[in-house]
Amino acid sequence: MVDWVGKSAYKDPKGIGWTLTTRLADLEFAGDICALSHRFQDAQHQTKSLETVAKQTGLSINAQKTKSMRLNTNQQDCLKIDDSTVVDVQQFTYLGSIVSTSGGTDEDISTRKKKTQQELWRRTKQQPTTQTKRARKWKWIGHTIRKKTTHYQASPRMEPQGHRKRGRPQNTWRRGLTTELSKIGMTLKETKRTAMNRKKWRETVVALYPP
């Protein structure tokens, strides 16, 4: 049905040049249609034509689910569907792939890598490496605070020596600890007292980075 609607609506295709004699007006998959056009006027004409033919078969276009994307154009007029404005986007995901005004290749690769890592962690029942490292760091901090040696007890309060370069300051050890503790409403001053109780400290580490 969708294929027939598309062919009927685009009898006079105004899409993008495909070959010297043909034009590509749309791409279809299941119940989705991706209309292509070089000009905004043509895009609006195609949308109106598609809307008209669809209504003849009892189908309708959901304006809220419809998105538009512009490439290399200064045209800012809004596409309309039955007096509703179509939202213009810089990026969207379709069939698991990211499409963006910049091409989407880097974003797509990054997203697929992240999904692969998450699936690997789920199947192996392991935590992300960064989370494991941070949890071990806090276990080590609790261990060093319980040491009687002053050198060890000073680890959470450690401050770098010397002068930093001009510009935005980099994240310091102390600042990083403070930020992580703020997630569970705890301060650095409270760490020394809490770390002396091994059970409470283990609960603190779990609260920071749940297994």
C-alpha atoms as a PDB file:
ATOM      1  CA  MET A   1       0.000   0.000   0.000  1.00  0.00           C
ATOM      2  CA  VAL A   2       2.745   2.473   0.973  1.00  0.00           C
ATOM      3  CA  ASP A   3       4.624   1.654  -2.233  1.00  0.00           C
ATOM      4  CA  TRP A   4       1.506   2.424  -4.311  1.00  0.00           C
ATOM      5  CA  VAL A   5       0.933   5.688  -2.432  1.00  0.00           C
ATOM      6  CA  GLY A   6       4.515   6.756  -3.083  1.00  0.00           C
ATOM      7  CA  LYS A   7       4.383   5.936  -6.792  1.00  0.00           C
ATOM      8  CA  SER A   8       1.029   7.678  -7.213  1.00  0.00           C
ATOM      9  CA  ALA A   9       2.146  10.790  -5.328  1.00  0.00           C
ATOM     10  CA  TYR A  10       5.419  11.095  -7.245  1.00  0.00           C
ATOM     11  CA  LYS A  11       4.209  10.703 -10.830  1.00  0.00           C
ATOM     12  CA  ASP A  12       6.147  13.861 -11.625  1.00  0.00           C
ATOM     13  CA  PRO A  13       9.256  13.278  -9.472  1.00  0.00           C
ATOM     14  CA  LYS A  14      11.100  16.355  -8.244  1.00  0.00           C
ATOM     15  CA  GLY A  15      13.725  14.550  -6.206  1.00  0.00           C
ATOM     16  CA  ILE A  16      17.503  14.566  -6.534  1.00  0.00           C
ATOM     17  CA  GLY A  17      19.364  13.738  -9.738  1.00  0.00           C
ATOM     18  CA  TRP A  18      20.099  10.014  -9.893  1.00  0.00           C
ATOM     19  CA  THR A  19      21.296   9.560 -13.457  1.00  0.00           C
ATOM     20  CA  LEU A  20      21.334  11.820 -16.504  1.00  0.00           C
ATOM     21  CA  THR A  21      17.712  10.982 -17.246  1.00  0.00           C
ATOM     22  CA  THR A  22      16.201   9.860 -13.899  1.00  0.00           C
ATOM     23  CA  ARG A  23      15.536  11.385 -10.493  1.00  0.00           C
ATOM     24  CA  LEU A  24      15.299   9.747  -7.073  1.00  0.00           C
ATOM     25  CA  ALA A  25      12.190  11.076  -5.325  1.00  0.00           C
ATOM     26  CA  ASP A  26      11.995   8.888  -2.228  1.00  0.00           C
ATOM     27  CA  LEU A  27      13.281   5.917  -0.249  1.00  0.00           C
ATOM     28  CA  GLU A  28      10.872   3.474   1.386  1.00  0.00           C
ATOM     29  CA  PHE A  29      11.103   0.904   4.151  1.00  0.00           C
ATOM     30  CA  ALA A  30       8.073  -0.776   5.735  1.00  0.00           C
ATOM     31  CA  GLY A  31       5.733   2.083   6.670  1.00  0.00           C
ATOM     32  CA  ASP A  32       8.359   4.836   6.384  1.00  0.00           C
ATOM     33  CA  ILE A  33       9.013   7.155   3.468  1.00  0.00           C
ATOM     34  CA  CYS A  34      12.061   9.401   3.080  1.00  0.00           C
ATOM     35  CA  ALA A  35      11.305  12.121   0.509  1.00  0.00           C
ATOM     36  CA  LEU A  36      14.291  13.718  -1.255  1.00  0.00           C
ATOM     37  CA  SER A  37      14.421  17.128  -2.891  1.00  0.00           C
ATOM     38  CA  HIS A  38      16.875  19.787  -4.065  1.00  0.00           C
ATOM     39  CA  ARG A  39      14.539  22.702  -3.358  1.00  0.00           C
ATOM     40  CA  PHE A  40      12.229  23.569  -0.470  1.00  0.00           C
ATOM     41  CA  GLN A  41       9.356  24.300  -2.868  1.00  0.00           C
ATOM     42  CA  ASP A  42       9.682  20.810  -4.327  1.00  0.00           C
ATOM     43  CA  ALA A  43       9.824  19.251  -0.851  1.00  0.00           C
ATOM     44  CA  GLN A  44       6.609  21.014   0.150  1.00  0.00           C
ATOM     45  CA  HIS A  45       4.949  20.005  -3.143  1.00  0.00           C
ATOM     46  CA  GLN A  46       5.962  16.348  -2.666  1.00  0.00           C
ATOM     47  CA  THR A  47       4.725  16.353   0.932  1.00  0.00           C
ATOM     48  CA  LYS A  48       1.356  17.834  -0.049  1.00  0.00           C
ATOM     49  CA  SER A  49       0.964  15.366  -2.908  1.00  0.00           C
ATOM     50  CA  LEU A  50       1.827  12.435  -0.637  1.00  0.00           C
ATOM     51  CA  GLU A  51      -0.626  13.670   1.986  1.00  0.00           C
ATOM     52  CA  THR A  52      -3.444  13.954  -0.580  1.00  0.00           C
ATOM     53  CA  VAL A  53      -2.933  10.474  -2.077  1.00  0.00           C
ATOM     54  CA  ALA A  54      -2.554   8.897   1.367  1.00  0.00           C
ATOM     55  CA  LYS A  55      -5.911  10.287   2.505  1.00  0.00           C
ATOM     56  CA  GLN A  56      -7.586   8.653  -0.504  1.00  0.00           C
ATOM     57  CA  THR A  57      -6.568   5.248   0.875  1.00  0.00           C
ATOM     58  CA  GLY A  58      -7.472   6.018   4.476  1.00  0.00           C
ATOM     59  CA  LEU A  59      -3.853   6.639   5.519  1.00  0.00           C
ATOM     60  CA  SER A  60      -2.456   9.781   7.116  1.00  0.00           C
ATOM     61  CA  ILE A  61       0.961  11.304   7.794  1.00  0.00           C
ATOM     62  CA  ASN A  62       1.827  11.820  11.454  1.00  0.00           C
ATOM     63  CA  ALA A  63       3.305  15.341  11.545  1.00  0.00           C
ATOM     64  CA  GLN A  64       4.722  14.835  15.047  1.00  0.00           C
ATOM     65  CA  LYS A  65       6.758  11.822  13.945  1.00  0.00           C
ATOM     66  CA  THR A  66       7.890  13.453  10.700  1.00  0.00           C
ATOM     67  CA  LYS A  67      11.276  15.198  10.653  1.00  0.00           C
ATOM     68  CA  SER A  68      13.100  17.252   8.042  1.00  0.00           C
ATOM     69  CA  MET A  69      16.839  17.724   7.488  1.00  0.00           C
ATOM     70  CA  ARG A  70      18.553  20.391   5.388  1.00  0.00           C
ATOM     71  CA  LEU A  71      21.985  20.214   3.805  1.00  0.00           C
ATOM     72  CA  ASN A  72      23.939  23.145   2.333  1.00  0.00           C
ATOM     73  CA  THR A  73      21.021  25.585   2.245  1.00  0.00           C
ATOM     74  CA  ASN A  74      20.045  28.922   3.767  1.00  0.00           C
ATOM     75  CA  GLN A  75      16.327  28.270   3.243  1.00  0.00           C
ATOM     76  CA  GLN A  76      14.653  28.371   6.658  1.00  0.00           C
ATOM     77  CA  ASP A  77      10.940  28.096   5.751  1.00  0.00           C
ATOM     78  CA  CYS A  78       9.133  25.395   7.715  1.00  0.00           C
ATOM     79  CA  LEU A  79       7.710  22.320   6.021  1.00  0.00           C
ATOM     80  CA  LYS A  80       3.972  21.893   6.652  1.00  0.00           C
ATOM     81  CA  ILE A  81       1.754  18.826   6.957  1.00  0.00           C
ATOM     82  CA  ASP A  82      -1.951  19.606   7.316  1.00  0.00           C
ATOM     83  CA  ASP A  83      -1.114  23.031   8.842  1.00  0.00           C
ATOM     84  CA  SER A  84       1.280  21.417  11.342  1.00  0.00           C
ATOM     85  CA  THR A  85       4.953  22.415  11.301  1.00  0.00           C
ATOM     86  CA  VAL A  86       7.526  19.690  10.707  1.00  0.00           C
ATOM     87  CA  VAL A  87      10.461  19.814  13.127  1.00  0.00           C
ATOM     88  CA  ASP A  88      13.845  20.434  11.509  1.00  0.00           C
ATOM     89  CA  VAL A  89      16.672  18.306  12.998  1.00  0.00           C
ATOM     90  CA  GLN A  90      20.447  18.036  12.704  1.00  0.00           C
ATOM     91  CA  GLN A  91      20.525  14.324  13.427  1.00  0.00           C
ATOM     92  CA  PHE A  92      18.231  11.307  13.754  1.00  0.00           C
ATOM     93  CA  THR A  93      18.482   7.532  14.047  1.00  0.00           C
ATOM     94  CA  TYR A  94      16.938   5.317  11.384  1.00  0.00           C
ATOM     95  CA  LEU A  95      17.096   1.511  11.380  1.00  0.00           C
ATOM     96  CA  GLY A  96      19.850   1.680  13.993  1.00  0.00           C
ATOM     97  CA  SER A  97      22.052   4.026  11.951  1.00  0.00           C
ATOM     98  CA  ILE A  98      22.692   7.707  12.663  1.00  0.00           C
ATOM     99  CA  VAL A  99      22.034  10.181   9.869  1.00  0.00           C
ATOM    100  CA  SER A 100      23.217  13.757  10.374  1.00  0.00           C
ATOM    101  CA  THR A 101      23.969  16.953   8.484  1.00  0.00           C
ATOM    102  CA  SER A 102      27.679  16.168   8.870  1.00  0.00           C
ATOM    103  CA  GLY A 103      27.254  12.708   7.363  1.00  0.00           C
ATOM    104  CA  GLY A 104      26.826  10.837  10.642  1.00  0.00           C
ATOM    105  CA  THR A 105      29.702   8.390  10.089  1.00  0.00           C
ATOM    106  CA  ASP A 106      31.652   9.276  13.244  1.00  0.00           C
ATOM    107  CA  GLU A 107      28.508   9.440  15.387  1.00  0.00           C
ATOM    108  CA  ASP A 108      27.269   6.125  13.978  1.00  0.00           C
ATOM    109  CA  ILE A 109      30.565   4.335  14.657  1.00  0.00           C
ATOM    110  CA  SER A 110      30.710   5.749  18.182  1.00  0.00           C
ATOM    111  CA  THR A 111      27.131   4.663  18.923  1.00  0.00           C
ATOM    112  CA  ARG A 112      27.663   1.152  17.550  1.00  0.00           C
ATOM    113  CA  LYS A 113      30.852   0.737  19.603  1.00  0.00           C
ATOM    114  CA  LYS A 114      29.013   1.834  22.734  1.00  0.00           C
ATOM    115  CA  LYS A 115      26.161  -0.618  22.087  1.00  0.00           C
ATOM    116  CA  THR A 116      28.668  -3.421  21.457  1.00  0.00           C
ATOM    117  CA  GLN A 117      30.470  -2.692  24.733  1.00  0.00           C
ATOM    118  CA  GLN A 118      27.203  -2.599  26.666  1.00  0.00           C
ATOM    119  CA  GLU A 119      26.153  -5.951  25.198  1.00  0.00           C
ATOM    120  CA  LEU A 120      29.567  -7.435  26.001  1.00  0.00           C
ATOM    121  CA  TRP A 121      29.340  -6.238  29.627  1.00  0.00           C
ATOM    122  CA  ARG A 122      25.803  -7.634  29.880  1.00  0.00           C
ATOM    123  CA  ARG A 123      26.768 -11.073  28.571  1.00  0.00           C
ATOM    124  CA  THR A 124      29.965 -11.357  30.637  1.00  0.00           C
ATOM    125  CA  LYS A 125      28.242  -9.795  33.681  1.00  0.00           C
ATOM    126  CA  GLN A 126      31.090  -7.328  34.052  1.00  0.00           C
ATOM    127  CA  GLN A 127      31.216  -3.621  34.758  1.00  0.00           C
ATOM    128  CA  PRO A 128      32.637  -1.062  32.311  1.00  0.00           C
ATOM    129  CA  THR A 129      36.411  -0.760  32.717  1.00  0.00           C
ATOM    130  CA  THR A 130      36.259   2.879  33.819  1.00  0.00           C
ATOM    131  CA  GLN A 131      33.689   2.066  36.501  1.00  0.00           C
ATOM    132  CA  THR A 132      35.784  -0.840  37.791  1.00  0.00           C
ATOM    133  CA  LYS A 133      38.901   1.353  37.969  1.00  0.00           C
ATOM    134  CA  ARG A 134      37.077   4.094  39.871  1.00  0.00           C
ATOM    135  CA  ALA A 135      35.588   1.621  42.352  1.00  0.00           C
ATOM    136  CA  ARG A 136      39.064   0.183  42.993  1.00  0.00           C
ATOM    137  CA  LYS A 137      40.411   3.704  43.453  1.00  0.00           C
ATOM    138  CA  TRP A 138      37.928   4.369  46.244  1.00  0.00           C
ATOM    139  CA  LYS A 139      38.695   1.021  47.879  1.00  0.00           C
ATOM    140  CA  TRP A 140      42.373   2.035  47.835  1.00  0.00           C
ATOM    141  CA  ILE A 141      41.542   5.444  49.318  1.00  0.00           C
ATOM    142  CA  GLY A 142      39.682   3.799  52.196  1.00  0.00           C
ATOM    143  CA  HIS A 143      42.627   1.468  52.768  1.00  0.00           C
ATOM    144  CA  THR A 144      45.168   4.310  52.832  1.00  0.00           C
ATOM    145  CA  ILE A 145      43.050   6.487  55.133  1.00  0.00           C
ATOM    146  CA  ARG A 146      42.982   3.661  57.713  1.00  0.00           C
ATOM    147  CA  LYS A 147      46.773   3.553  57.680  1.00  0.00           C
ATOM    148  CA  LYS A 148      48.448   5.255  60.620  1.00  0.00           C
ATOM    149  CA  THR A 149      51.142   6.797  58.452  1.00  0.00           C
ATOM    150  CA  THR A 150      50.438  10.484  57.796  1.00  0.00           C
ATOM    151  CA  HIS A 151      51.660  10.117  54.198  1.00  0.00           C
ATOM    152  CA  TYR A 152      48.864   7.683  53.418  1.00  0.00           C
ATOM    153  CA  GLN A 153      46.167   9.610  55.241  1.00  0.00           C
ATOM    154  CA  ALA A 154      46.952  12.705  53.196  1.00  0.00           C
ATOM    155  CA  SER A 155      46.086  11.010  49.862  1.00  0.00           C
ATOM    156  CA  PRO A 156      42.517  12.386  49.514  1.00  0.00           C
ATOM    157  CA  ARG A 157      43.751  15.902  50.342  1.00  0.00           C
ATOM    158  CA  MET A 158      46.679  15.733  47.932  1.00  0.00           C
ATOM    159  CA  GLU A 159      47.264  18.964  46.004  1.00  0.00           C
ATOM    160  CA  PRO A 160      49.634  19.312  42.998  1.00  0.00           C
ATOM    161  CA  GLN A 161      52.696  21.499  43.459  1.00  0.00           C
ATOM    162  CA  GLY A 162      53.978  24.257  41.173  1.00  0.00           C
ATOM    163  CA  HIS A 163      52.170  26.666  38.868  1.00  0.00           C
ATOM    164  CA  ARG A 164      49.670  25.650  36.234  1.00  0.00           C
ATOM    165  CA  LYS A 165      49.685  26.955  32.689  1.00  0.00           C
ATOM    166  CA  ARG A 166      47.358  29.707  31.553  1.00  0.00           C
ATOM    167  CA  GLY A 167      43.869  28.760  30.421  1.00  0.00           C
ATOM    168  CA  ARG A 168      41.148  26.580  31.817  1.00  0.00           C
ATOM    169  CA  PRO A 169      42.491  24.501  34.739  1.00  0.00           C
ATOM    170  CA  GLN A 170      42.588  20.748  34.279  1.00  0.00           C
ATOM    171  CA  ASN A 171      40.637  18.497  36.599  1.00  0.00           C
ATOM    172  CA  THR A 172      42.719  17.843  39.730  1.00  0.00           C
ATOM    173  CA  TRP A 173      42.773  14.781  41.957  1.00  0.00           C
ATOM    174  CA  ARG A 174      40.974  16.607  44.775  1.00  0.00           C
ATOM    175  CA  ARG A 175      38.401  18.189  42.468  1.00  0.00           C
ATOM    176  CA  GLY A 176      37.672  14.813  40.881  1.00  0.00           C
ATOM    177  CA  LEU A 177      37.092  13.167  44.265  1.00  0.00           C
ATOM    178  CA  THR A 178      34.821  16.005  45.379  1.00  0.00           C
ATOM    179  CA  THR A 179      32.724  15.706  42.214  1.00  0.00           C
ATOM    180  CA  GLU A 180      32.293  11.942  42.585  1.00  0.00           C
ATOM    181  CA  LEU A 181      31.364  12.235  46.283  1.00  0.00           C
ATOM    182  CA  SER A 182      28.761  14.900  45.534  1.00  0.00           C
ATOM    183  CA  LYS A 183      26.736  12.227  43.687  1.00  0.00           C
ATOM    184  CA  ILE A 184      25.907  10.583  47.026  1.00  0.00           C
ATOM    185  CA  GLY A 185      25.810  13.802  49.080  1.00  0.00           C
ATOM    186  CA  MET A 186      29.157  13.236  50.786  1.00  0.00           C
ATOM    187  CA  THR A 187      32.157  15.511  51.347  1.00  0.00           C
ATOM    188  CA  LEU A 188      35.887  14.868  51.609  1.00  0.00           C
ATOM    189  CA  LYS A 189      35.799  15.709  55.319  1.00  0.00           C
ATOM    190  CA  GLU A 190      33.379  12.839  55.888  1.00  0.00           C
ATOM    191  CA  THR A 191      35.560  10.281  54.092  1.00  0.00           C
ATOM    192  CA  LYS A 192      38.091   9.937  56.931  1.00  0.00           C
ATOM    193  CA  ARG A 193      35.438   9.133  59.540  1.00  0.00           C
ATOM    194  CA  THR A 194      33.521   6.794  57.221  1.00  0.00           C
ATOM    195  CA  ALA A 195      36.639   4.960  55.994  1.00  0.00           C
ATOM    196  CA  MET A 196      37.504   3.920  59.551  1.00  0.00           C
ATOM    197  CA  ASN A 197      34.472   1.644  59.460  1.00  0.00           C
ATOM    198  CA  ARG A 198      35.162  -0.981  56.796  1.00  0.00           C
ATOM    199  CA  LYS A 199      31.492  -1.979  56.418  1.00  0.00           C
ATOM    200  CA  LYS A 200      30.327   1.622  55.938  1.00  0.00           C
ATOM    201  CA  TRP A 201      33.155   2.285  53.517  1.00  0.00           C
ATOM    202  CA  ARG A 202      32.224  -0.723  51.371  1.00  0.00           C
ATOM    203  CA  GLU A 203      28.641   0.591  51.305  1.00  0.00           C
ATOM    204  CA  THR A 204      29.980   3.998  50.246  1.00  0.00           C
ATOM    205  CA  VAL A 205      31.967   2.491  47.355  1.00  0.00           C
ATOM    206  CA  VAL A 206      28.924   0.496  46.239  1.00  0.00           C
ATOM    207  CA  ALA A 207      26.790   3.650  46.389  1.00  0.00           C
ATOM    208  CA  LEU A 208      29.335   5.484  44.224  1.00  0.00           C
ATOM    209  CA  TYR A 209      29.685   2.669  41.670  1.00  0.00           C
ATOM    210  CA  PRO A 210      27.022  -0.041  41.986  1.00  0.00           C
ATOM    211  CA  PRO A 211      28.108  -3.517  40.768  1.00  0.00           C
END
